[in-house]
Protein backbone atom coordinates (compact mmCIF):
# COMPACT_ATOMS: atom_id res chain seq x y z
CA UNK A 1 -163.55 122.75 43.17
CA UNK A 2 -164.22 123.49 46.83
CA UNK A 3 -165.60 126.92 47.71
CA UNK A 4 -163.89 128.93 50.45
CA UNK A 5 -165.76 132.17 51.08
CA UNK A 6 -163.78 134.64 53.17
CA UNK A 7 -166.76 136.97 53.44
CA UNK A 8 -169.38 137.98 56.03
CA UNK A 9 -172.32 137.65 53.63
CA UNK A 10 -172.13 134.41 51.63
CA UNK A 11 -175.61 133.32 50.53
CA UNK A 12 -174.91 129.62 51.02
CA UNK A 13 -172.57 129.14 53.96
CA UNK A 14 -173.81 128.88 57.53
CA UNK A 15 -170.24 129.46 58.76
CA UNK A 16 -168.13 132.31 57.50
CA UNK A 17 -164.34 132.17 57.33
CA UNK A 18 -163.31 135.77 57.95
CA UNK A 19 -160.78 134.66 60.58
CA UNK A 20 -157.64 133.48 58.73
CA UNK A 21 -157.10 130.50 61.04
CA UNK A 22 -160.69 129.37 60.49
CA UNK A 23 -160.31 129.80 56.74
CA UNK A 24 -157.08 127.81 56.61
CA UNK A 25 -158.63 124.98 58.61
CA UNK A 26 -161.64 125.01 56.25
CA UNK A 27 -159.38 124.85 53.18
CA UNK A 28 -157.44 121.90 54.56
CA UNK A 29 -160.73 120.18 55.34
CA UNK A 30 -161.97 120.75 51.77
CA UNK A 31 -158.80 119.15 50.45
CA UNK A 32 -159.15 116.19 52.81
CA UNK A 33 -162.78 115.80 51.72
CA UNK A 34 -161.72 115.37 48.11
CA UNK A 35 -161.39 118.82 46.54
CA UNK A 36 -159.02 118.99 43.56
CA UNK A 37 -159.01 122.81 43.62
CA UNK A 38 -159.79 125.40 46.29
CA UNK A 39 -161.50 128.64 45.18
CA UNK A 40 -160.86 131.49 47.63
CA UNK A 41 -163.13 134.54 47.43
CA UNK A 42 -163.23 137.76 49.42
CA UNK A 43 -166.34 139.37 47.90
CA UNK A 44 -169.80 137.88 47.71
CA UNK A 45 -171.19 137.74 44.17
CA UNK A 46 -174.70 136.66 45.19
CA UNK A 47 -177.52 138.60 43.48
CA UNK A 48 -177.95 141.95 45.18
CA UNK A 49 -174.58 141.93 46.93
CA UNK A 50 -172.78 145.24 47.25
CA UNK A 51 -169.24 145.43 45.86
CA UNK A 52 -166.27 145.86 48.18
CA UNK A 53 -163.09 147.81 47.40
CA UNK A 54 -159.96 145.93 46.41
CA UNK A 55 -158.27 146.95 49.66
CA UNK A 56 -160.96 145.21 51.74
CA UNK A 57 -160.98 142.17 49.49
CA UNK A 58 -157.21 141.86 49.89
CA UNK A 59 -157.44 142.37 53.65
CA UNK A 60 -159.70 139.30 53.76
CA UNK A 61 -157.92 136.95 51.37
CA UNK A 62 -154.21 137.78 51.53
CA UNK A 63 -153.60 136.38 55.05
CA UNK A 64 -155.41 133.19 54.04
CA UNK A 65 -153.42 132.76 50.83
CA UNK A 66 -150.15 133.43 52.66
CA UNK A 67 -150.99 130.88 55.36
CA UNK A 68 -152.03 128.23 52.83
CA UNK A 69 -148.88 128.49 50.76
CA UNK A 70 -147.00 125.21 50.96
CA UNK A 71 -149.72 123.53 53.04
CA UNK A 72 -152.06 122.41 50.24
CA UNK A 73 -151.28 119.76 47.66
CA UNK A 74 -154.00 121.07 45.32
CA UNK A 75 -154.04 124.34 43.37
CA UNK A 76 -155.71 127.48 44.67
CA UNK A 77 -157.79 129.83 42.55
CA UNK A 78 -158.72 133.38 43.49
CA UNK A 79 -162.33 134.35 42.90
CA UNK A 80 -162.04 137.99 41.85
CA UNK A 81 -162.72 140.32 38.94
CA UNK A 82 -160.20 142.94 40.13
CA UNK A 83 -156.74 143.03 38.56
CA UNK A 84 -155.16 144.40 41.74
CA UNK A 85 -156.49 141.51 43.82
CA UNK A 86 -155.54 138.97 41.16
CA UNK A 87 -151.97 140.25 41.00
CA UNK A 88 -151.43 139.92 44.75
CA UNK A 89 -153.15 136.54 44.91
CA UNK A 90 -151.02 135.12 42.09
CA UNK A 91 -147.91 136.47 43.80
CA UNK A 92 -149.07 134.70 46.97
CA UNK A 93 -149.28 131.35 45.20
CA UNK A 94 -152.66 131.16 43.48
CA UNK A 95 -152.55 129.27 40.18
CA UNK A 96 -155.86 130.37 38.64
CA UNK A 97 -158.05 133.46 38.55
CA UNK A 98 -161.81 132.93 38.55
CA UNK A 99 -163.42 136.02 37.04
CA UNK A 100 -167.22 136.00 37.38
CA UNK A 101 -167.47 139.01 35.07
CA UNK A 102 -165.76 137.38 32.07
CA UNK A 103 -163.35 140.36 31.94
CA UNK A 104 -166.25 142.79 31.64
CA UNK A 105 -165.52 144.63 34.89
CA UNK A 106 -161.72 144.95 34.72
CA UNK A 107 -160.16 143.95 31.36
CA UNK A 108 -156.67 144.65 32.81
CA UNK A 109 -157.02 141.43 34.79
CA UNK A 110 -156.19 139.44 31.65
CA UNK A 111 -152.76 141.04 31.35
CA UNK A 112 -152.06 140.19 35.00
CA UNK A 113 -152.94 136.54 34.30
CA UNK A 114 -150.86 136.47 31.11
CA UNK A 115 -147.80 137.96 32.80
CA UNK A 116 -148.05 135.41 35.61
CA UNK A 117 -148.48 132.46 33.26
CA UNK A 118 -151.61 131.51 35.20
CA UNK A 119 -154.92 130.01 34.12
CA UNK A 120 -158.12 132.02 33.76
CA UNK A 121 -161.73 131.03 34.37
CA UNK A 122 -164.17 133.23 32.46
CA UNK A 123 -167.77 133.11 33.60
CA UNK A 124 -170.81 134.33 31.73
CA UNK A 125 -172.82 137.03 33.47
CA UNK A 126 -174.34 140.40 32.73
CA UNK A 127 -174.13 143.52 34.84
CA UNK A 128 -173.15 143.94 38.49
CA UNK A 129 -174.49 141.70 41.26
CA UNK A 130 -176.88 144.45 42.35
CA UNK A 131 -178.76 144.39 39.02
CA UNK A 132 -177.96 141.15 37.20
CA UNK A 133 -181.56 139.93 36.85
CA UNK A 134 -182.48 143.13 35.00
CA UNK A 135 -180.51 141.75 32.04
CA UNK A 136 -181.84 138.19 32.15
CA UNK A 137 -183.37 138.29 28.67
CA UNK A 138 -182.26 135.85 25.98
CA UNK A 139 -183.22 134.75 22.49
CA UNK A 140 -181.60 131.33 22.53
CA UNK A 141 -179.86 130.80 25.87
CA UNK A 142 -177.05 128.59 24.54
CA UNK A 143 -176.35 130.70 21.46
CA UNK A 144 -176.34 133.92 23.48
CA UNK A 145 -174.13 132.56 26.27
CA UNK A 146 -171.71 131.05 23.74
CA UNK A 147 -171.45 134.32 21.81
CA UNK A 148 -170.76 136.35 24.94
CA UNK A 149 -168.18 133.86 26.22
CA UNK A 150 -166.44 134.05 22.84
CA UNK A 151 -166.21 137.81 23.41
CA UNK A 152 -164.59 137.12 26.79
CA UNK A 153 -162.10 134.75 25.17
CA UNK A 154 -161.29 137.47 22.66
CA UNK A 155 -160.63 139.99 25.43
CA UNK A 156 -158.33 137.52 27.17
CA UNK A 157 -156.46 136.62 23.98
CA UNK A 158 -156.02 140.30 23.19
CA UNK A 159 -154.07 140.67 26.43
CA UNK A 160 -151.90 137.64 25.83
CA UNK A 161 -153.72 134.81 27.64
CA UNK A 162 -153.25 131.61 25.59
CA UNK A 163 -156.46 129.82 24.69
CA UNK A 164 -155.21 126.61 26.33
CA UNK A 165 -155.11 128.39 29.70
CA UNK A 166 -158.79 129.39 29.56
CA UNK A 167 -161.66 127.57 31.29
CA UNK A 168 -165.25 128.68 30.70
CA UNK A 169 -168.20 128.84 33.10
CA UNK A 170 -171.74 129.31 31.69
CA UNK A 171 -172.75 131.14 34.88
CA UNK A 172 -175.66 129.10 36.21
CA UNK A 173 -177.74 131.46 38.35
CA UNK A 174 -175.99 134.63 37.16
CA UNK A 175 -178.15 137.03 35.14
CA UNK A 176 -180.41 134.06 34.46
CA UNK A 177 -183.91 133.15 35.53
CA UNK A 178 -184.49 129.59 36.71
CA UNK A 179 -185.56 128.45 33.24
CA UNK A 180 -182.34 129.84 31.77
CA UNK A 181 -180.21 127.99 34.33
CA UNK A 182 -182.03 124.73 33.70
CA UNK A 183 -181.68 125.34 29.97
CA UNK A 184 -177.91 125.78 30.27
CA UNK A 185 -177.60 122.55 32.27
CA UNK A 186 -179.84 120.61 29.90
CA UNK A 187 -177.98 121.80 26.80
CA UNK A 188 -174.43 121.77 28.17
CA UNK A 189 -173.16 119.46 25.38
CA UNK A 190 -174.20 122.09 22.81
CA UNK A 191 -172.31 124.75 24.73
CA UNK A 192 -169.22 122.56 25.03
CA UNK A 193 -169.27 121.84 21.29
CA UNK A 194 -169.70 125.52 20.45
CA UNK A 195 -166.83 126.72 22.63
CA UNK A 196 -164.31 123.85 22.61
CA UNK A 197 -162.85 124.71 26.02
CA UNK A 198 -163.09 122.94 29.39
CA UNK A 199 -166.27 123.88 31.25
CA UNK A 200 -166.67 124.69 34.93
CA UNK A 201 -170.23 124.50 36.29
CA UNK A 202 -171.25 125.97 39.63
CA UNK A 203 -174.84 125.04 40.56
CA UNK A 204 -174.18 124.60 44.27
CA UNK A 205 -177.14 125.55 46.50
CA UNK A 206 -178.35 128.22 44.07
CA UNK A 207 -181.82 129.71 44.10
CA UNK A 208 -182.87 128.39 40.67
CA UNK A 209 -183.60 125.11 42.47
CA UNK A 210 -186.53 126.66 44.31
CA UNK A 211 -188.74 125.96 41.32
CA UNK A 212 -188.18 122.25 41.93
CA UNK A 213 -187.57 121.85 45.69
CA UNK A 214 -189.52 124.76 47.18
CA UNK A 215 -188.33 127.69 49.23
CA UNK A 216 -185.63 125.92 51.20
CA UNK A 217 -182.68 127.87 52.63
CA UNK A 218 -179.46 127.49 50.67
CA UNK A 219 -177.72 125.02 53.04
CA UNK A 220 -180.67 122.63 52.57
CA UNK A 221 -180.27 122.42 48.79
CA UNK A 222 -177.49 119.85 48.67
CA UNK A 223 -179.77 117.08 47.34
CA UNK A 224 -180.84 119.41 44.54
CA UNK A 225 -177.20 120.30 43.99
CA UNK A 226 -176.38 116.61 43.67
CA UNK A 227 -178.91 116.29 40.84
CA UNK A 228 -177.49 119.31 39.03
CA UNK A 229 -173.92 118.09 39.53
CA UNK A 230 -174.82 114.66 38.13
CA UNK A 231 -176.46 116.22 35.08
CA UNK A 232 -173.42 118.44 34.52
CA UNK A 233 -170.97 115.55 34.75
CA UNK A 234 -173.05 113.41 32.41
CA UNK A 235 -173.17 116.32 29.96
CA UNK A 236 -169.38 116.68 29.93
CA UNK A 237 -168.49 119.31 32.56
CA UNK A 238 -164.85 119.19 33.61
CA UNK A 239 -164.99 121.04 36.95
CA UNK A 240 -167.82 121.29 39.48
CA UNK A 241 -167.67 124.19 41.93
CA UNK A 242 -169.40 123.12 45.17
CA UNK A 243 -169.78 123.82 48.88
CA UNK A 244 -170.32 120.28 50.26
CA UNK A 245 -167.16 118.71 48.89
CA UNK A 246 -167.26 115.39 50.76
CA UNK A 247 -170.76 114.62 49.50
CA UNK A 248 -170.36 116.00 45.99
CA UNK A 249 -167.04 114.23 45.45
CA UNK A 250 -168.94 110.95 45.72
CA UNK A 251 -171.61 112.23 43.34
CA UNK A 252 -168.99 113.30 40.80
CA UNK A 253 -167.01 110.05 40.97
CA UNK A 254 -170.09 107.85 40.50
CA UNK A 255 -171.46 110.04 37.70
CA UNK A 256 -168.05 109.88 36.00
CA UNK A 257 -168.11 106.09 36.13
CA UNK A 258 -171.60 105.97 34.64
CA UNK A 259 -170.48 108.29 31.83
CA UNK A 260 -167.32 106.27 31.27
CA UNK A 261 -169.35 103.09 30.80
CA UNK A 262 -171.81 104.70 28.42
């Protein structure tokens, strides 16, 4: 899954794609580089980021989605937790909704997804981006994440989203200290067994890597990302959400072959 941030404040991108023409060119490049999905987002969810209203989020992403329609061979997902944004994005051709709040922020989003017959990615997190680390306290990280993702599945099912249209994301880096993120990656097979749904993992360039690689800026964490991506593939992840698609596509394909021969 290639990341397309249509925001002015992404933590990990040196170049921002606020201009629709720039964003469309970037999306086509991600596809050419090997992306199987393109995830379009109009609000930064980095720790400490301020929320933006739905109207501003739509002003950023709608022209991009409209321009991409019919030009990509791969599906588009919309990275939003707002039902209003999801509804317009699905109408504009998006096939998936990627909700980083796991339906905690706007439960009505599930009904929008169900009515559209779309797929839904539910990520584990706690609290808003401005205060997520305040809730980074766990007994057993895998048991707690699994229990809270089951709650998200229940909210989705209650609004009519079939279980076979749900993908789960353990939320590496979200409401988790570095040790929690490493713990999720190390114990991903346990999480997969507990939840029995496809898993998306998004470690790309995140700050939990600082413990291992030092205080490098986010764009210089691609080698660390490659290690996390390899571990996730070997542990059974189905989708890897990344910035550097050309490089990580090679990492994923080789890791898949190693796993296949195991």
